[in-house]
Amino acid sequence: MVDHRELFEDVTADLARAGFDIDRWPSGLRIGHGPHGVLIDWPPAEQAADQPPPAEGIRAAVTGAVAAVLRESGYRVAPAGPDGLLVTASRPVRVAAPDAPGEGGREPAGVPEQWWG
């Protein structure tokens, strides 16, 4: 299994900022490492700690809310199983526009010249 530690940390931090309780997951939702990214799903009923699993409609609503938050944050999110999500890519790097205030329309320092033979 590939280690997606940085992606896992970014996803859990973004979900925490959005108000999801990632420490205990009282909803029963779990976050883990998958072979291709971060897997967010529901444990089987027999693995539920001390509460029955939520109804299908609640699982669908929570899964949809998690997917919306992650997509809004710039992640790629795909279905994984009946109630799961696979997060496969982190946010793109933001690059300042070349005409940013204070730059005078010049390229930022560190950008090599381009030669078009």
Protein backbone atom coordinates (compact mmCIF):
# COMPACT_ATOMS: atom_id res chain seq x y z
CA MET A 1 0.00 0.00 0.00
CA VAL A 2 1.30 3.46 -0.90
CA ASP A 3 1.68 5.89 2.00
CA HIS A 4 -0.32 9.06 1.37
CA ARG A 5 0.52 10.61 4.72
CA GLU A 6 0.60 14.24 3.56
CA LEU A 7 -2.66 13.87 1.64
CA PHE A 8 -4.23 12.16 4.67
CA GLU A 9 -3.13 15.00 6.96
CA ASP A 10 -4.39 17.66 4.53
CA VAL A 11 -7.77 15.95 4.12
CA THR A 12 -8.32 15.52 7.85
CA ALA A 13 -7.26 19.13 8.52
CA ASP A 14 -9.68 20.46 5.88
CA LEU A 15 -12.53 18.37 7.27
CA ALA A 16 -11.75 19.62 10.79
CA ARG A 17 -11.81 23.25 9.56
CA ALA A 18 -15.19 22.54 7.97
CA GLY A 19 -16.57 21.42 11.35
CA PHE A 20 -16.32 17.64 11.15
CA ASP A 21 -15.16 15.99 14.37
CA ILE A 22 -12.26 13.95 13.03
CA ASP A 23 -10.95 12.84 16.43
CA ARG A 24 -13.85 10.64 17.44
CA TRP A 25 -16.10 10.51 14.37
CA PRO A 26 -19.30 10.18 16.40
CA SER A 27 -21.12 9.71 13.12
CA GLY A 28 -19.25 6.45 12.57
CA LEU A 29 -17.51 7.68 9.44
CA ARG A 30 -13.85 6.68 9.22
CA ILE A 31 -10.81 8.02 7.34
CA GLY A 32 -7.98 5.71 6.31
CA HIS A 33 -5.19 5.11 3.88
CA GLY A 34 -6.17 3.40 0.64
CA PRO A 35 -3.89 2.02 -2.07
CA HIS A 36 -4.54 5.03 -4.34
CA GLY A 37 -5.27 7.83 -1.88
CA VAL A 38 -7.32 8.55 1.21
CA LEU A 39 -10.37 6.37 1.77
CA ILE A 40 -13.38 7.75 3.62
CA ASP A 41 -16.10 5.21 4.34
CA TRP A 42 -18.36 3.62 6.93
CA PRO A 43 -17.29 0.63 9.00
CA PRO A 44 -19.42 -2.51 8.80
CA ALA A 45 -22.23 -2.68 11.38
CA GLU A 46 -20.40 -5.35 13.40
CA GLN A 47 -17.44 -2.98 13.84
CA ALA A 48 -19.55 -0.08 15.15
CA ALA A 49 -18.30 0.65 18.66
CA ASP A 50 -21.19 1.44 20.96
CA GLN A 51 -23.89 2.74 18.66
CA PRO A 52 -25.90 1.29 15.79
CA PRO A 53 -24.90 2.43 12.32
CA PRO A 54 -26.77 5.47 11.00
CA ALA A 55 -29.63 5.02 8.58
CA GLU A 56 -28.89 4.92 4.86
CA GLY A 57 -30.21 8.46 4.30
CA ILE A 58 -27.97 9.88 7.02
CA ARG A 59 -24.92 8.06 5.65
CA ALA A 60 -25.67 9.42 2.19
CA ALA A 61 -26.10 12.98 3.52
CA VAL A 62 -22.86 12.91 5.54
CA THR A 63 -20.92 11.32 2.68
CA GLY A 64 -22.29 13.97 0.29
CA ALA A 65 -21.33 16.76 2.68
CA VAL A 66 -17.80 15.39 3.05
CA ALA A 67 -17.46 15.11 -0.74
CA ALA A 68 -18.70 18.68 -1.22
CA VAL A 69 -16.25 20.07 1.34
CA LEU A 70 -13.33 18.20 -0.20
CA ARG A 71 -14.20 19.16 -3.78
CA GLU A 72 -14.60 22.79 -2.72
CA SER A 73 -11.14 22.54 -1.16
CA GLY A 74 -9.73 21.41 -4.52
CA TYR A 75 -9.40 17.66 -4.06
CA ARG A 76 -10.41 15.01 -6.57
CA VAL A 77 -13.10 12.84 -5.01
CA ALA A 78 -14.49 9.65 -6.51
CA PRO A 79 -17.02 7.11 -5.25
CA ALA A 80 -15.52 4.08 -3.50
CA GLY A 81 -18.04 1.38 -2.73
CA PRO A 82 -21.67 2.02 -1.84
CA ASP A 83 -21.05 4.75 0.79
CA GLY A 84 -17.36 5.56 0.47
CA LEU A 85 -15.13 8.16 -1.12
CA LEU A 86 -11.62 7.99 -2.53
CA VAL A 87 -9.63 11.23 -2.36
CA THR A 88 -6.90 10.96 -4.98
CA ALA A 89 -5.22 14.34 -5.33
CA SER A 90 -4.47 17.32 -3.19
CA ARG A 91 -5.16 20.93 -3.94
CA PRO A 92 -3.31 22.55 -6.83
CA VAL A 93 -0.52 24.97 -6.00
CA ARG A 94 -1.65 28.57 -6.29
CA VAL A 95 0.58 30.76 -8.45
CA ALA A 96 0.48 34.56 -8.31
CA ALA A 97 -0.56 36.31 -11.50
CA PRO A 98 2.37 37.97 -13.37
CA ASP A 99 0.58 41.34 -13.15
CA ALA A 100 0.18 41.16 -9.39
CA PRO A 101 0.29 44.53 -7.62
CA GLY A 102 3.83 45.60 -6.90
CA GLU A 103 5.32 43.48 -9.66
CA GLY A 104 4.91 46.08 -12.40
CA GLY A 105 3.94 43.41 -14.91
CA ARG A 106 7.33 41.71 -14.61
CA GLU A 107 7.80 37.99 -14.11
CA PRO A 108 8.43 36.98 -10.52
CA ALA A 109 12.05 36.43 -9.48
CA GLY A 110 13.29 32.92 -10.09
CA VAL A 111 11.46 32.36 -13.38
CA PRO A 112 14.01 31.50 -16.09
CA GLU A 113 14.03 33.34 -19.38
CA GLN A 114 12.43 31.50 -22.26
CA TRP A 115 14.29 31.19 -25.54
CA TRP A 116 12.16 30.36 -28.54
CA GLY A 117 14.96 29.52 -31.08
